[in-house]
Amino acid sequence: MTKEIERRKFLQHCFGLSLMVSTGGFLLSSCAGRKKTVANKNTSPVAKVNPCEDLTGVDAVDVEKRKALGYVGLSPIQDKQCGNCKLWIPVKDGKECGGCLLFAGPVSEDGHCTYWAPQV
């Protein structure tokens, strides 16, 4: 009879242990799906901004002109880019972007707008 009691305790112990492991696994998997947002003063997500798309300080009227002229930062037409347009203002020393005679603000050499005109 003692062997039967020992076997019963052994089986109860195994069942309890397997129940704890499976419950623990379930709890861990449900917690793993949640993302914790922890504010860290030393690190902040920094999105790399293309300097030719940064319109900080550009007047709202000029931003609207850009949109009205259909300016895009990457020309869909390979041979019609701002860099080979007669309205292009070349990149100055220490700058990364050029400009346009039609509107203010940074302009990508690879950009394009509906007023593109070939250089003569």
PDB file of N, CA and C in Angstrom:
ATOM      1  N   MET A   1       0.787  -1.181   0.000  1.00  0.00           N
ATOM      2  CA  MET A   1       0.000   0.000   0.000  1.00  0.00           C
ATOM      3  C   MET A   1       0.841   1.261   0.000  1.00  0.00           C
ATOM      4  N   THR A   2       1.961   1.222   0.606  1.00  0.00           N
ATOM      5  CA  THR A   2       2.810   2.407   0.653  1.00  0.00           C
ATOM      6  C   THR A   2       3.363   2.744  -0.724  1.00  0.00           C
ATOM      7  N   LYS A   3       3.589   1.678  -1.525  1.00  0.00           N
ATOM      8  CA  LYS A   3       4.062   1.937  -2.880  1.00  0.00           C
ATOM      9  C   LYS A   3       2.980   2.639  -3.685  1.00  0.00           C
ATOM     10  N   GLU A   4       1.727   2.240  -3.444  1.00  0.00           N
ATOM     11  CA  GLU A   4       0.609   2.854  -4.142  1.00  0.00           C
ATOM     12  C   GLU A   4       0.469   4.319  -3.732  1.00  0.00           C
ATOM     13  N   ILE A   5       0.654   4.619  -2.463  1.00  0.00           N
ATOM     14  CA  ILE A   5       0.571   5.995  -1.973  1.00  0.00           C
ATOM     15  C   ILE A   5       1.738   6.808  -2.541  1.00  0.00           C
ATOM     16  N   GLU A   6       2.925   6.227  -2.582  1.00  0.00           N
ATOM     17  CA  GLU A   6       4.073   6.930  -3.127  1.00  0.00           C
ATOM     18  C   GLU A   6       3.876   7.206  -4.614  1.00  0.00           C
ATOM     19  N   ARG A   7       3.329   6.235  -5.336  1.00  0.00           N
ATOM     20  CA  ARG A   7       3.060   6.403  -6.757  1.00  0.00           C
ATOM     21  C   ARG A   7       2.021   7.499  -6.956  1.00  0.00           C
ATOM     22  N   ARG A   8       0.972   7.508  -6.127  1.00  0.00           N
ATOM     23  CA  ARG A   8      -0.074   8.512  -6.215  1.00  0.00           C
ATOM     24  C   ARG A   8       0.515   9.907  -5.981  1.00  0.00           C
ATOM     25  N   LYS A   9       1.353  10.043  -4.948  1.00  0.00           N
ATOM     26  CA  LYS A   9       1.985  11.339  -4.665  1.00  0.00           C
ATOM     27  C   LYS A   9       2.904  11.749  -5.816  1.00  0.00           C
ATOM     28  N   PHE A  10       3.614  10.781  -6.373  1.00  0.00           N
ATOM     29  CA  PHE A  10       4.503  11.064  -7.498  1.00  0.00           C
ATOM     30  C   PHE A  10       3.701  11.580  -8.695  1.00  0.00           C
ATOM     31  N   LEU A  11       2.598  10.898  -9.025  1.00  0.00           N
ATOM     32  CA  LEU A  11       1.765  11.303 -10.148  1.00  0.00           C
ATOM     33  C   LEU A  11       1.118  12.676  -9.892  1.00  0.00           C
ATOM     34  N   GLN A  12       0.667  12.918  -8.653  1.00  0.00           N
ATOM     35  CA  GLN A  12       0.097  14.219  -8.310  1.00  0.00           C
ATOM     36  C   GLN A  12       1.160  15.305  -8.461  1.00  0.00           C
ATOM     37  N   HIS A  13       2.346  15.006  -8.030  1.00  0.00           N
ATOM     38  CA  HIS A  13       3.433  15.966  -8.119  1.00  0.00           C
ATOM     39  C   HIS A  13       3.754  16.272  -9.591  1.00  0.00           C
ATOM     40  N   CYS A  14       3.819  15.227 -10.424  1.00  0.00           N
ATOM     41  CA  CYS A  14       4.092  15.409 -11.857  1.00  0.00           C
ATOM     42  C   CYS A  14       2.973  16.199 -12.528  1.00  0.00           C
ATOM     43  N   PHE A  15       1.730  15.870 -12.188  1.00  0.00           N
ATOM     44  CA  PHE A  15       0.594  16.580 -12.768  1.00  0.00           C
ATOM     45  C   PHE A  15       0.621  18.053 -12.356  1.00  0.00           C
ATOM     46  N   GLY A  16       0.873  18.311 -11.099  1.00  0.00           N
ATOM     47  CA  GLY A  16       0.936  19.689 -10.602  1.00  0.00           C
ATOM     48  C   GLY A  16       2.068  20.465 -11.258  1.00  0.00           C
ATOM     49  N   LEU A  17       3.203  19.809 -11.434  1.00  0.00           N
ATOM     50  CA  LEU A  17       4.352  20.454 -12.057  1.00  0.00           C
ATOM     51  C   LEU A  17       4.068  20.764 -13.524  1.00  0.00           C
ATOM     52  N   SER A  18       3.467  19.818 -14.233  1.00  0.00           N
ATOM     53  CA  SER A  18       3.150  20.063 -15.640  1.00  0.00           C
ATOM     54  C   SER A  18       2.098  21.154 -15.782  1.00  0.00           C
ATOM     55  N   LEU A  19       1.163  21.217 -14.851  1.00  0.00           N
ATOM     56  CA  LEU A  19       0.153  22.268 -14.864  1.00  0.00           C
ATOM     57  C   LEU A  19       0.805  23.633 -14.643  1.00  0.00           C
ATOM     58  N   MET A  20       1.753  23.687 -13.718  1.00  0.00           N
ATOM     59  CA  MET A  20       2.446  24.943 -13.446  1.00  0.00           C
ATOM     60  C   MET A  20       3.275  25.386 -14.652  1.00  0.00           C
ATOM     61  N   VAL A  21       3.953  24.458 -15.293  1.00  0.00           N
ATOM     62  CA  VAL A  21       4.782  24.788 -16.453  1.00  0.00           C
ATOM     63  C   VAL A  21       3.917  25.293 -17.602  1.00  0.00           C
ATOM     64  N   SER A  22       2.823  24.602 -17.885  1.00  0.00           N
ATOM     65  CA  SER A  22       1.970  25.023 -18.995  1.00  0.00           C
ATOM     66  C   SER A  22       1.293  26.362 -18.695  1.00  0.00           C
ATOM     67  N   THR A  23       0.868  26.580 -17.462  1.00  0.00           N
ATOM     68  CA  THR A  23       0.263  27.859 -17.085  1.00  0.00           C
ATOM     69  C   THR A  23       1.300  28.970 -17.158  1.00  0.00           C
ATOM     70  N   GLY A  24       2.500  28.691 -16.686  1.00  0.00           N
ATOM     71  CA  GLY A  24       3.578  29.676 -16.746  1.00  0.00           C
ATOM     72  C   GLY A  24       3.920  30.035 -18.177  1.00  0.00           C
ATOM     73  N   GLY A  25       3.958  29.040 -19.041  1.00  0.00           N
ATOM     74  CA  GLY A  25       4.228  29.294 -20.459  1.00  0.00           C
ATOM     75  C   GLY A  25       3.150  30.150 -21.090  1.00  0.00           C
ATOM     76  N   PHE A  26       1.910  29.859 -20.741  1.00  0.00           N
ATOM     77  CA  PHE A  26       0.797  30.648 -21.257  1.00  0.00           C
ATOM     78  C   PHE A  26       0.903  32.096 -20.794  1.00  0.00           C
ATOM     79  N   LEU A  27       1.209  32.279 -19.516  1.00  0.00           N
ATOM     80  CA  LEU A  27       1.328  33.634 -18.978  1.00  0.00           C
ATOM     81  C   LEU A  27       2.487  34.384 -19.620  1.00  0.00           C
ATOM     82  N   LEU A  28       3.602  33.708 -19.801  1.00  0.00           N
ATOM     83  CA  LEU A  28       4.745  34.360 -20.430  1.00  0.00           C
ATOM     84  C   LEU A  28       4.455  34.735 -21.871  1.00  0.00           C
ATOM     85  N   SER A  29       3.788  33.858 -22.602  1.00  0.00           N
ATOM     86  CA  SER A  29       3.491  34.169 -24.001  1.00  0.00           C
ATOM     87  C   SER A  29       2.493  35.312 -24.118  1.00  0.00           C
ATOM     88  N   SER A  30       1.569  35.410 -23.183  1.00  0.00           N
ATOM     89  CA  SER A  30       0.609  36.520 -23.249  1.00  0.00           C
ATOM     90  C   SER A  30       1.271  37.830 -22.853  1.00  0.00           C
ATOM     91  N   CYS A  31       2.253  37.787 -21.990  1.00  0.00           N
ATOM     92  CA  CYS A  31       2.974  39.004 -21.603  1.00  0.00           C
ATOM     93  C   CYS A  31       3.972  39.413 -22.661  1.00  0.00           C
ATOM     94  N   ALA A  32       4.491  38.464 -23.398  1.00  0.00           N
ATOM     95  CA  ALA A  32       5.503  38.772 -24.404  1.00  0.00           C
ATOM     96  C   ALA A  32       4.914  39.578 -25.548  1.00  0.00           C
ATOM     97  N   GLY A  33       3.631  39.446 -25.806  1.00  0.00           N
ATOM     98  CA  GLY A  33       2.991  40.183 -26.887  1.00  0.00           C
ATOM     99  C   GLY A  33       2.812  41.656 -26.592  1.00  0.00           C
ATOM    100  N   ARG A  34       2.861  42.028 -25.357  1.00  0.00           N
ATOM    101  CA  ARG A  34       2.676  43.423 -24.977  1.00  0.00           C
ATOM    102  C   ARG A  34       4.009  44.142 -25.023  1.00  0.00           C
ATOM    103  N   LYS A  35       3.986  45.346 -25.570  1.00  0.00           N
ATOM    104  CA  LYS A  35       5.197  46.142 -25.609  1.00  0.00           C
ATOM    105  C   LYS A  35       5.115  47.201 -24.526  1.00  0.00           C
ATOM    106  N   LYS A  36       6.155  47.256 -23.769  1.00  0.00           N
ATOM    107  CA  LYS A  36       6.199  48.260 -22.721  1.00  0.00           C
ATOM    108  C   LYS A  36       6.904  49.486 -23.258  1.00  0.00           C
ATOM    109  N   THR A  37       6.349  50.638 -22.999  1.00  0.00           N
ATOM    110  CA  THR A  37       6.994  51.874 -23.379  1.00  0.00           C
ATOM    111  C   THR A  37       7.590  52.481 -22.135  1.00  0.00           C
ATOM    112  N   VAL A  38       8.875  52.517 -22.131  1.00  0.00           N
ATOM    113  CA  VAL A  38       9.600  53.041 -20.995  1.00  0.00           C
ATOM    114  C   VAL A  38      10.283  54.316 -21.443  1.00  0.00           C
ATOM    115  N   ALA A  39      10.030  55.384 -20.731  1.00  0.00           N
ATOM    116  CA  ALA A  39      10.659  56.651 -21.070  1.00  0.00           C
ATOM    117  C   ALA A  39      12.099  56.627 -20.602  1.00  0.00           C
ATOM    118  N   ASN A  40      12.989  56.765 -21.539  1.00  0.00           N
ATOM    119  CA  ASN A  40      14.409  56.796 -21.218  1.00  0.00           C
ATOM    120  C   ASN A  40      14.934  58.155 -21.631  1.00  0.00           C
ATOM    121  N   LYS A  41      15.507  58.872 -20.712  1.00  0.00           N
ATOM    122  CA  LYS A  41      15.959  60.224 -20.981  1.00  0.00           C
ATOM    123  C   LYS A  41      17.183  60.243 -21.895  1.00  0.00           C
ATOM    124  N   ASN A  42      17.948  59.183 -21.909  1.00  0.00           N
ATOM    125  CA  ASN A  42      19.182  59.166 -22.673  1.00  0.00           C
ATOM    126  C   ASN A  42      18.973  58.828 -24.139  1.00  0.00           C
ATOM    127  N   THR A  43      17.933  58.080 -24.450  1.00  0.00           N
ATOM    128  CA  THR A  43      17.703  57.704 -25.830  1.00  0.00           C
ATOM    129  C   THR A  43      16.329  58.175 -26.267  1.00  0.00           C
ATOM    130  N   SER A  44      16.281  58.663 -27.475  1.00  0.00           N
ATOM    131  CA  SER A  44      15.004  59.050 -28.054  1.00  0.00           C
ATOM    132  C   SER A  44      15.029  58.633 -29.511  1.00  0.00           C
ATOM    133  N   PRO A  45      13.881  58.199 -30.028  1.00  0.00           N
ATOM    134  CA  PRO A  45      13.861  57.769 -31.417  1.00  0.00           C
ATOM    135  C   PRO A  45      14.131  58.971 -32.322  1.00  0.00           C
ATOM    136  N   VAL A  46      15.140  58.830 -33.158  1.00  0.00           N
ATOM    137  CA  VAL A  46      15.504  59.903 -34.062  1.00  0.00           C
ATOM    138  C   VAL A  46      15.254  59.418 -35.474  1.00  0.00           C
ATOM    139  N   ALA A  47      14.327  60.051 -36.125  1.00  0.00           N
ATOM    140  CA  ALA A  47      14.035  59.699 -37.497  1.00  0.00           C
ATOM    141  C   ALA A  47      14.961  60.513 -38.396  1.00  0.00           C
ATOM    142  N   LYS A  48      15.612  59.831 -39.319  1.00  0.00           N
ATOM    143  CA  LYS A  48      16.491  60.537 -40.231  1.00  0.00           C
ATOM    144  C   LYS A  48      15.623  61.275 -41.245  1.00  0.00           C
ATOM    145  N   VAL A  49      15.808  62.577 -41.256  1.00  0.00           N
ATOM    146  CA  VAL A  49      15.021  63.414 -42.149  1.00  0.00           C
ATOM    147  C   VAL A  49      15.913  63.836 -43.304  1.00  0.00           C
ATOM    148  N   ASN A  50      15.428  63.657 -44.500  1.00  0.00           N
ATOM    149  CA  ASN A  50      16.130  64.119 -45.677  1.00  0.00           C
ATOM    150  C   ASN A  50      16.148  65.644 -45.618  1.00  0.00           C
ATOM    151  N   PRO A  51      17.326  66.264 -45.625  1.00  0.00           N
ATOM    152  CA  PRO A  51      17.380  67.716 -45.496  1.00  0.00           C
ATOM    153  C   PRO A  51      16.650  68.438 -46.628  1.00  0.00           C
ATOM    154  N   CYS A  52      16.512  67.808 -47.778  1.00  0.00           N
ATOM    155  CA  CYS A  52      15.808  68.433 -48.895  1.00  0.00           C
ATOM    156  C   CYS A  52      14.290  68.338 -48.747  1.00  0.00           C
ATOM    157  N   GLU A  53      13.829  67.592 -47.738  1.00  0.00           N
ATOM    158  CA  GLU A  53      12.394  67.495 -47.464  1.00  0.00           C
ATOM    159  C   GLU A  53      12.015  68.227 -46.190  1.00  0.00           C
ATOM    160  N   ASP A  54      13.007  68.794 -45.513  1.00  0.00           N
ATOM    161  CA  ASP A  54      12.765  69.521 -44.266  1.00  0.00           C
ATOM    162  C   ASP A  54      12.301  70.936 -44.598  1.00  0.00           C
ATOM    163  N   LEU A  55      11.036  71.187 -44.372  1.00  0.00           N
ATOM    164  CA  LEU A  55      10.455  72.487 -44.706  1.00  0.00           C
ATOM    165  C   LEU A  55      10.316  73.385 -43.489  1.00  0.00           C
ATOM    166  N   THR A  56      11.094  73.104 -42.458  1.00  0.00           N
ATOM    167  CA  THR A  56      11.079  73.930 -41.265  1.00  0.00           C
ATOM    168  C   THR A  56      11.531  75.337 -41.644  1.00  0.00           C
ATOM    169  N   GLY A  57      10.750  76.311 -41.296  1.00  0.00           N
ATOM    170  CA  GLY A  57      11.097  77.699 -41.590  1.00  0.00           C
ATOM    171  C   GLY A  57      10.656  78.178 -42.959  1.00  0.00           C
ATOM    172  N   VAL A  58      10.089  77.300 -43.769  1.00  0.00           N
ATOM    173  CA  VAL A  58       9.609  77.702 -45.091  1.00  0.00           C
ATOM    174  C   VAL A  58       8.198  78.249 -44.935  1.00  0.00           C
ATOM    175  N   ASP A  59       7.946  79.388 -45.552  1.00  0.00           N
ATOM    176  CA  ASP A  59       6.641  80.034 -45.470  1.00  0.00           C
ATOM    177  C   ASP A  59       5.548  79.123 -46.032  1.00  0.00           C
ATOM    178  N   ALA A  60       4.379  79.165 -45.425  1.00  0.00           N
ATOM    179  CA  ALA A  60       3.258  78.316 -45.842  1.00  0.00           C
ATOM    180  C   ALA A  60       2.867  78.566 -47.296  1.00  0.00           C
ATOM    181  N   VAL A  61       3.020  79.786 -47.758  1.00  0.00           N
ATOM    182  CA  VAL A  61       2.688  80.119 -49.153  1.00  0.00           C
ATOM    183  C   VAL A  61       3.622  79.352 -50.090  1.00  0.00           C
ATOM    184  N   ASP A  62       4.907  79.314 -49.747  1.00  0.00           N
ATOM    185  CA  ASP A  62       5.856  78.579 -50.584  1.00  0.00           C
ATOM    186  C   ASP A  62       5.638  77.078 -50.518  1.00  0.00           C
ATOM    187  N   VAL A  63       5.220  76.580 -49.373  1.00  0.00           N
ATOM    188  CA  VAL A  63       4.899  75.155 -49.263  1.00  0.00           C
ATOM    189  C   VAL A  63       3.733  74.834 -50.198  1.00  0.00           C
ATOM    190  N   GLU A  64       2.745  75.694 -50.235  1.00  0.00           N
ATOM    191  CA  GLU A  64       1.601  75.493 -51.133  1.00  0.00           C
ATOM    192  C   GLU A  64       2.021  75.595 -52.593  1.00  0.00           C
ATOM    193  N   LYS A  65       2.949  76.505 -52.906  1.00  0.00           N
ATOM    194  CA  LYS A  65       3.454  76.610 -54.284  1.00  0.00           C
ATOM    195  C   LYS A  65       4.119  75.304 -54.705  1.00  0.00           C
ATOM    196  N   ARG A  66       4.906  74.748 -53.793  1.00  0.00           N
ATOM    197  CA  ARG A  66       5.571  73.472 -54.085  1.00  0.00           C
ATOM    198  C   ARG A  66       4.544  72.405 -54.449  1.00  0.00           C
ATOM    199  N   LYS A  67       3.487  72.354 -53.644  1.00  0.00           N
ATOM    200  CA  LYS A  67       2.435  71.356 -53.890  1.00  0.00           C
ATOM    201  C   LYS A  67       1.722  71.638 -55.204  1.00  0.00           C
ATOM    202  N   ALA A  68       1.401  72.912 -55.456  1.00  0.00           N
ATOM    203  CA  ALA A  68       0.677  73.285 -56.673  1.00  0.00           C
ATOM    204  C   ALA A  68       1.498  72.979 -57.927  1.00  0.00           C
ATOM    205  N   LEU A  69       2.809  73.101 -57.824  1.00  0.00           N
ATOM    206  CA  LEU A  69       3.687  72.816 -58.963  1.00  0.00           C
ATOM    207  C   LEU A  69       4.020  71.330 -59.078  1.00  0.00           C
ATOM    208  N   GLY A  70       3.499  70.544 -58.151  1.00  0.00           N
ATOM    209  CA  GLY A  70       3.683  69.091 -58.195  1.00  0.00           C
ATOM    210  C   GLY A  70       5.101  68.651 -57.879  1.00  0.00           C
ATOM    211  N   TYR A  71       5.806  69.408 -57.048  1.00  0.00           N
ATOM    212  CA  TYR A  71       7.188  69.047 -56.708  1.00  0.00           C
ATOM    213  C   TYR A  71       7.222  67.737 -55.925  1.00  0.00           C
ATOM    214  N   VAL A  72       8.120  66.858 -56.353  1.00  0.00           N
ATOM    215  CA  VAL A  72       8.415  65.617 -55.637  1.00  0.00           C
ATOM    216  C   VAL A  72       9.922  65.508 -55.494  1.00  0.00           C
ATOM    217  N   GLY A  73      10.376  64.890 -54.433  1.00  0.00           N
ATOM    218  CA  GLY A  73      11.798  64.789 -54.140  1.00  0.00           C
ATOM    219  C   GLY A  73      12.566  63.818 -55.016  1.00  0.00           C
ATOM    220  N   LEU A  74      11.856  62.937 -55.708  1.00  0.00           N
ATOM    221  CA  LEU A  74      12.498  61.969 -56.593  1.00  0.00           C
ATOM    222  C   LEU A  74      11.714  61.923 -57.900  1.00  0.00           C
ATOM    223  N   SER A  75      12.365  62.326 -58.958  1.00  0.00           N
ATOM    224  CA  SER A  75      11.702  62.425 -60.257  1.00  0.00           C
ATOM    225  C   SER A  75      11.252  61.069 -60.773  1.00  0.00           C
ATOM    226  N   PRO A  76      10.003  60.988 -61.244  1.00  0.00           N
ATOM    227  CA  PRO A  76       9.534  59.739 -61.854  1.00  0.00           C
ATOM    228  C   PRO A  76      10.048  59.597 -63.289  1.00  0.00           C
ATOM    229  N   ILE A  77      10.602  60.691 -63.840  1.00  0.00           N
ATOM    230  CA  ILE A  77      11.110  60.697 -65.215  1.00  0.00           C
ATOM    231  C   ILE A  77      12.624  60.850 -65.140  1.00  0.00           C
ATOM    232  N   GLN A  78      13.351  59.866 -65.575  1.00  0.00           N
ATOM    233  CA  GLN A  78      14.791  59.813 -65.367  1.00  0.00           C
ATOM    234  C   GLN A  78      15.527  61.036 -65.918  1.00  0.00           C
ATOM    235  N   ASP A  79      15.185  61.512 -67.072  1.00  0.00           N
ATOM    236  CA  ASP A  79      15.915  62.625 -67.692  1.00  0.00           C
ATOM    237  C   ASP A  79      15.369  63.997 -67.318  1.00  0.00           C
ATOM    238  N   LYS A  80      14.338  64.056 -66.526  1.00  0.00           N
ATOM    239  CA  LYS A  80      13.740  65.337 -66.138  1.00  0.00           C
ATOM    240  C   LYS A  80      13.826  65.503 -64.631  1.00  0.00           C
ATOM    241  N   GLN A  81      15.004  65.931 -64.193  1.00  0.00           N
ATOM    242  CA  GLN A  81      15.253  66.139 -62.778  1.00  0.00           C
ATOM    243  C   GLN A  81      15.601  67.605 -62.543  1.00  0.00           C
ATOM    244  N   CYS A  82      15.408  68.043 -61.315  1.00  0.00           N
ATOM    245  CA  CYS A  82      15.693  69.441 -60.976  1.00  0.00           C
ATOM    246  C   CYS A  82      17.133  69.820 -61.317  1.00  0.00           C
ATOM    247  N   GLY A  83      18.046  68.900 -61.150  1.00  0.00           N
ATOM    248  CA  GLY A  83      19.459  69.169 -61.411  1.00  0.00           C
ATOM    249  C   GLY A  83      19.766  69.537 -62.851  1.00  0.00           C
ATOM    250  N   ASN A  84      18.888  69.165 -63.791  1.00  0.00           N
ATOM    251  CA  ASN A  84      19.113  69.537 -65.188  1.00  0.00           C
ATOM    252  C   ASN A  84      17.986  70.426 -65.726  1.00  0.00           C
ATOM    253  N   CYS A  85      17.373  71.190 -64.811  1.00  0.00           N
ATOM    254  CA  CYS A  85      16.298  72.128 -65.166  1.00  0.00           C
ATOM    255  C   CYS A  85      16.880  73.545 -65.197  1.00  0.00           C
ATOM    256  N   LYS A  86      16.394  74.393 -66.098  1.00  0.00           N
ATOM    257  CA  LYS A  86      16.930  75.755 -66.173  1.00  0.00           C
ATOM    258  C   LYS A  86      16.499  76.616 -64.986  1.00  0.00           C
ATOM    259  N   LEU A  87      15.530  76.152 -64.169  1.00  0.00           N
ATOM    260  CA  LEU A  87      15.084  76.889 -62.985  1.00  0.00           C
ATOM    261  C   LEU A  87      15.839  76.474 -61.721  1.00  0.00           C
ATOM    262  N   TRP A  88      16.747  75.521 -61.840  1.00  0.00           N
ATOM    263  CA  TRP A  88      17.518  74.964 -60.724  1.00  0.00           C
ATOM    264  C   TRP A  88      18.534  75.966 -60.198  1.00  0.00           C
ATOM    265  N   ILE A  89      18.593  76.092 -58.892  1.00  0.00           N
ATOM    266  CA  ILE A  89      19.630  76.875 -58.215  1.00  0.00           C
ATOM    267  C   ILE A  89      20.590  75.854 -57.617  1.00  0.00           C
ATOM    268  N   PRO A  90      21.837  75.812 -58.101  1.00  0.00           N
ATOM    269  CA  PRO A  90      22.786  74.783 -57.655  1.00  0.00           C
ATOM    270  C   PRO A  90      23.041  74.808 -56.145  1.00  0.00           C
ATOM    271  N   VAL A  91      23.490  73.664 -55.645  1.00  0.00           N
ATOM    272  CA  VAL A  91      23.821  73.497 -54.234  1.00  0.00           C
ATOM    273  C   VAL A  91      25.000  74.405 -53.894  1.00  0.00           C
ATOM    274  N   LYS A  92      24.875  75.151 -52.809  1.00  0.00           N
ATOM    275  CA  LYS A  92      25.960  76.029 -52.358  1.00  0.00           C
ATOM    276  C   LYS A  92      26.876  75.271 -51.413  1.00  0.00           C
ATOM    277  N   ASP A  93      28.105  75.769 -51.267  1.00  0.00           N
ATOM    278  CA  ASP A  93      29.073  75.139 -50.365  1.00  0.00           C
ATOM    279  C   ASP A  93      28.499  75.028 -48.958  1.00  0.00           C
ATOM    280  N   GLY A  94      28.641  73.867 -48.341  1.00  0.00           N
ATOM    281  CA  GLY A  94      28.172  73.632 -46.976  1.00  0.00           C
ATOM    282  C   GLY A  94      26.701  73.261 -46.902  1.00  0.00           C
ATOM    283  N   LYS A  95      26.019  73.214 -48.012  1.00  0.00           N
ATOM    284  CA  LYS A  95      24.598  72.849 -48.058  1.00  0.00           C
ATOM    285  C   LYS A  95      24.445  71.496 -48.727  1.00  0.00           C
ATOM    286  N   GLU A  96      23.302  70.868 -48.505  1.00  0.00           N
ATOM    287  CA  GLU A  96      23.048  69.565 -49.119  1.00  0.00           C
ATOM    288  C   GLU A  96      21.997  69.631 -50.224  1.00  0.00           C
ATOM    289  N   CYS A  97      21.287  70.765 -50.295  1.00  0.00           N
ATOM    290  CA  CYS A  97      20.191  70.887 -51.250  1.00  0.00           C
ATOM    291  C   CYS A  97      20.343  72.175 -52.052  1.00  0.00           C
ATOM    292  N   GLY A  98      19.797  72.135 -53.218  1.00  0.00           N
ATOM    293  CA  GLY A  98      19.769  73.325 -54.052  1.00  0.00           C
ATOM    294  C   GLY A  98      18.462  74.065 -53.841  1.00  0.00           C
ATOM    295  N   GLY A  99      18.067  74.808 -54.859  1.00  0.00           N
ATOM    296  CA  GLY A  99      16.829  75.558 -54.766  1.00  0.00           C
ATOM    297  C   GLY A  99      16.160  75.657 -56.125  1.00  0.00           C
ATOM    298  N   CYS A 100      15.102  76.438 -56.175  1.00  0.00           N
ATOM    299  CA  CYS A 100      14.339  76.631 -57.395  1.00  0.00           C
ATOM    300  C   CYS A 100      13.968  78.101 -57.507  1.00  0.00           C
ATOM    301  N   LEU A 101      13.924  78.618 -58.726  1.00  0.00           N
ATOM    302  CA  LEU A 101      13.545  80.011 -58.950  1.00  0.00           C
ATOM    303  C   LEU A 101      12.051  80.245 -58.730  1.00  0.00           C
ATOM    304  N   LEU A 102      11.248  79.173 -58.708  1.00  0.00           N
ATOM    305  CA  LEU A 102       9.797  79.310 -58.591  1.00  0.00           C
ATOM    306  C   LEU A 102       9.283  79.370 -57.153  1.00  0.00           C
ATOM    307  N   PHE A 103       9.997  78.755 -56.223  1.00  0.00           N
ATOM    308  CA  PHE A 103       9.539  78.727 -54.832  1.00  0.00           C
ATOM    309  C   PHE A 103      10.729  78.630 -53.894  1.00  0.00           C
ATOM    310  N   ALA A 104      10.522  79.014 -52.648  1.00  0.00           N
ATOM    311  CA  ALA A 104      11.576  78.984 -51.632  1.00  0.00           C
ATOM    312  C   ALA A 104      11.629  77.604 -50.982  1.00  0.00           C
ATOM    313  N   GLY A 105      12.758  77.323 -50.364  1.00  0.00           N
ATOM    314  CA  GLY A 105      12.916  76.070 -49.637  1.00  0.00           C
ATOM    315  C   GLY A 105      13.890  75.150 -50.324  1.00  0.00           C
ATOM    316  N   PRO A 106      14.312  74.104 -49.624  1.00  0.00           N
ATOM    317  CA  PRO A 106      15.292  73.175 -50.171  1.00  0.00           C
ATOM    318  C   PRO A 106      14.705  72.325 -51.289  1.00  0.00           C
ATOM    319  N   VAL A 107      15.554  72.049 -52.282  1.00  0.00           N
ATOM    320  CA  VAL A 107      15.127  71.262 -53.439  1.00  0.00           C
ATOM    321  C   VAL A 107      16.186  70.195 -53.713  1.00  0.00           C
ATOM    322  N   SER A 108      15.737  68.990 -53.899  1.00  0.00           N
ATOM    323  CA  SER A 108      16.631  67.875 -54.205  1.00  0.00           C
ATOM    324  C   SER A 108      17.037  67.931 -55.671  1.00  0.00           C
ATOM    325  N   GLU A 109      18.298  67.653 -55.934  1.00  0.00           N
ATOM    326  CA  GLU A 109      18.793  67.617 -57.312  1.00  0.00           C
ATOM    327  C   GLU A 109      18.063  66.545 -58.115  1.00  0.00           C
ATOM    328  N   ASP A 110      17.577  65.505 -57.428  1.00  0.00           N
ATOM    329  CA  ASP A 110      16.862  64.401 -58.078  1.00  0.00           C
ATOM    330  C   ASP A 110      15.358  64.651 -58.165  1.00  0.00           C
ATOM    331  N   GLY A 111      14.907  65.828 -57.714  1.00  0.00           N
ATOM    332  CA  GLY A 111      13.481  66.142 -57.681  1.00  0.00           C
ATOM    333  C   GLY A 111      12.904  66.460 -59.051  1.00  0.00           C
ATOM    334  N   HIS A 112      11.638  66.813 -59.044  1.00  0.00           N
ATOM    335  CA  HIS A 112      10.922  67.107 -60.301  1.00  0.00           C
ATOM    336  C   HIS A 112       9.650  67.889 -59.979  1.00  0.00           C
ATOM    337  N   CYS A 113       9.252  68.759 -60.898  1.00  0.00           N
ATOM    338  CA  CYS A 113       7.942  69.409 -60.799  1.00  0.00           C
ATOM    339  C   CYS A 113       7.381  69.572 -62.205  1.00  0.00           C
ATOM    340  N   THR A 114       6.157  70.009 -62.302  1.00  0.00           N
ATOM    341  CA  THR A 114       5.489  70.133 -63.604  1.00  0.00           C
ATOM    342  C   THR A 114       6.055  71.250 -64.460  1.00  0.00           C
ATOM    343  N   TYR A 115       6.842  72.158 -63.889  1.00  0.00           N
ATOM    344  CA  TYR A 115       7.434  73.271 -64.647  1.00  0.00           C
ATOM    345  C   TYR A 115       8.874  72.978 -65.063  1.00  0.00           C
ATOM    346  N   TRP A 116       9.263  71.728 -65.104  1.00  0.00           N
ATOM    347  CA  TRP A 116      10.610  71.386 -65.509  1.00  0.00           C
ATOM    348  C   TRP A 116      10.866  71.893 -66.930  1.00  0.00           C
ATOM    349  N   ALA A 117      12.013  72.514 -67.134  1.00  0.00           N
ATOM    350  CA  ALA A 117      12.411  73.020 -68.445  1.00  0.00           C
ATOM    351  C   ALA A 117      13.879  72.668 -68.666  1.00  0.00           C
ATOM    352  N   PRO A 118      14.220  72.183 -69.858  1.00  0.00           N
ATOM    353  CA  PRO A 118      15.604  71.770 -70.081  1.00  0.00           C
ATOM    354  C   PRO A 118      16.557  72.960 -70.064  1.00  0.00           C
ATOM    355  N   GLN A 119      17.774  72.701 -69.565  1.00  0.00           N
ATOM    356  CA  GLN A 119      18.792  73.740 -69.595  1.00  0.00           C
ATOM    357  C   GLN A 119      19.227  73.967 -71.037  1.00  0.00           C
ATOM    358  N   VAL A 120      19.488  75.199 -71.370  1.00  0.00           N
ATOM    359  CA  VAL A 120      19.876  75.519 -72.750  1.00  0.00           C
ATOM    360  C   VAL A 120      21.374  75.544 -72.883  1.00  0.00           C
TER     361      VAL A 120
END
